[in-house]
Amino acid sequence: MLNVIFSHNLKFTEKNAILKAEYGFELEDEKECDTMCNFGEAIYEDGIEKGKIEGKIEGKIEGKIEGKI
């Protein structure tokens, strides 16, 4: 269900049709959907940032182990 709501590839009407057919409910209005999509985008961006930080840390550790740093 969340993949439908947070999808950037589906228009509001498409999301609503899928939610009604598969889950038995509809979103009230497009603004409600946009708010949820923005929340999903923020979660995604936060995950990307955390992944970059973890990657840098792992790279430094590996570089020290290999004697390159």
C-alpha atoms as a PDB file:
ATOM      1  CA  MET A   1       0.000   0.000   0.000  1.00  0.00           C
ATOM      2  CA  LEU A   2       2.765   2.452   0.897  1.00  0.00           C
ATOM      3  CA  ASN A   3       4.502   1.836  -2.412  1.00  0.00           C
ATOM      4  CA  VAL A   4       1.343   3.093  -4.142  1.00  0.00           C
ATOM      5  CA  ILE A   5       0.976   6.160  -1.931  1.00  0.00           C
ATOM      6  CA  PHE A   6       4.654   7.138  -2.131  1.00  0.00           C
ATOM      7  CA  SER A   7       5.059   6.383  -5.849  1.00  0.00           C
ATOM      8  CA  HIS A   8       6.317   9.242  -7.976  1.00  0.00           C
ATOM      9  CA  ASN A   9       5.299   7.421 -11.157  1.00  0.00           C
ATOM     10  CA  LEU A  10       1.550   7.389 -10.484  1.00  0.00           C
ATOM     11  CA  LYS A  11      -0.847  10.311 -10.725  1.00  0.00           C
ATOM     12  CA  PHE A  12      -3.283  11.014  -7.899  1.00  0.00           C
ATOM     13  CA  THR A  13      -6.216   9.491  -9.801  1.00  0.00           C
ATOM     14  CA  GLU A  14      -4.217   6.318 -10.507  1.00  0.00           C
ATOM     15  CA  LYS A  15      -3.177   6.001  -6.864  1.00  0.00           C
ATOM     16  CA  ASN A  16      -6.750   6.471  -5.730  1.00  0.00           C
ATOM     17  CA  ALA A  17      -8.047   3.847  -8.154  1.00  0.00           C
ATOM     18  CA  ILE A  18      -5.478   1.295  -6.955  1.00  0.00           C
ATOM     19  CA  LEU A  19      -6.137   2.042  -3.285  1.00  0.00           C
ATOM     20  CA  LYS A  20      -9.883   1.677  -3.804  1.00  0.00           C
ATOM     21  CA  ALA A  21      -9.612  -1.552  -5.812  1.00  0.00           C
ATOM     22  CA  GLU A  22      -6.971  -3.297  -3.707  1.00  0.00           C
ATOM     23  CA  TYR A  23      -7.485  -1.888  -0.212  1.00  0.00           C
ATOM     24  CA  GLY A  24     -11.068  -0.619  -0.176  1.00  0.00           C
ATOM     25  CA  PHE A  25     -10.456   3.043   0.590  1.00  0.00           C
ATOM     26  CA  GLU A  26      -9.864   6.339  -1.168  1.00  0.00           C
ATOM     27  CA  LEU A  27      -7.846   9.407  -0.300  1.00  0.00           C
ATOM     28  CA  GLU A  28      -9.922  12.496   0.446  1.00  0.00           C
ATOM     29  CA  ASP A  29      -8.070  14.899  -1.804  1.00  0.00           C
ATOM     30  CA  GLU A  30      -4.873  15.384  -3.740  1.00  0.00           C
ATOM     31  CA  LYS A  31      -3.367  17.630  -1.058  1.00  0.00           C
ATOM     32  CA  GLU A  32      -3.552  14.753   1.462  1.00  0.00           C
ATOM     33  CA  CYS A  33      -1.664  12.539  -0.963  1.00  0.00           C
ATOM     34  CA  ASP A  34       0.971  15.203  -1.673  1.00  0.00           C
ATOM     35  CA  THR A  35       1.640  15.540   2.051  1.00  0.00           C
ATOM     36  CA  MET A  36       2.237  11.806   2.391  1.00  0.00           C
ATOM     37  CA  CYS A  37       4.432  11.751  -0.713  1.00  0.00           C
ATOM     38  CA  ASN A  38       6.566  14.583   0.661  1.00  0.00           C
ATOM     39  CA  PHE A  39       6.978  12.625   3.896  1.00  0.00           C
ATOM     40  CA  GLY A  40       8.090   9.576   1.909  1.00  0.00           C
ATOM     41  CA  GLU A  41      10.585  11.660  -0.034  1.00  0.00           C
ATOM     42  CA  ALA A  42      12.048  13.049   3.204  1.00  0.00           C
ATOM     43  CA  ILE A  43      12.485   9.518   4.570  1.00  0.00           C
ATOM     44  CA  TYR A  44      14.182   8.451   1.327  1.00  0.00           C
ATOM     45  CA  GLU A  45      16.564  11.429   1.327  1.00  0.00           C
ATOM     46  CA  ASP A  46      17.436  10.811   4.977  1.00  0.00           C
ATOM     47  CA  GLY A  47      18.282   7.197   4.123  1.00  0.00           C
ATOM     48  CA  ILE A  48      20.526   8.289   1.253  1.00  0.00           C
ATOM     49  CA  GLU A  49      22.385  10.716   3.517  1.00  0.00           C
ATOM     50  CA  LYS A  50      22.898   8.054   6.190  1.00  0.00           C
ATOM     51  CA  GLY A  51      24.141   5.638   3.538  1.00  0.00           C
ATOM     52  CA  LYS A  52      26.721   8.148   2.303  1.00  0.00           C
ATOM     53  CA  ILE A  53      28.008   8.735   5.828  1.00  0.00           C
ATOM     54  CA  GLU A  54      28.242   4.992   6.534  1.00  0.00           C
ATOM     55  CA  GLY A  55      30.028   4.465   3.224  1.00  0.00           C
ATOM     56  CA  LYS A  56      32.638   7.097   4.066  1.00  0.00           C
ATOM     57  CA  ILE A  57      33.237   5.548   7.475  1.00  0.00           C
ATOM     58  CA  GLU A  58      33.605   2.048   5.994  1.00  0.00           C
ATOM     59  CA  GLY A  59      35.959   3.377   3.322  1.00  0.00           C
ATOM     60  CA  LYS A  60      38.195   5.004   5.914  1.00  0.00           C
ATOM     61  CA  ILE A  61      38.265   1.820   7.999  1.00  0.00           C
ATOM     62  CA  GLU A  62      39.155  -0.305   4.953  1.00  0.00           C
ATOM     63  CA  GLY A  63      41.795   2.207   3.893  1.00  0.00           C
ATOM     64  CA  LYS A  64      43.426   2.053   7.323  1.00  0.00           C
ATOM     65  CA  ILE A  65      43.350  -1.758   7.305  1.00  0.00           C
ATOM     66  CA  GLU A  66      44.987  -1.829   3.875  1.00  0.00           C
ATOM     67  CA  GLY A  67      47.513   0.807   4.934  1.00  0.00           C
ATOM     68  CA  LYS A  68      46.373   3.360   2.372  1.00  0.00           C
ATOM     69  CA  ILE A  69      45.348   5.964   4.928  1.00  0.00           C
END
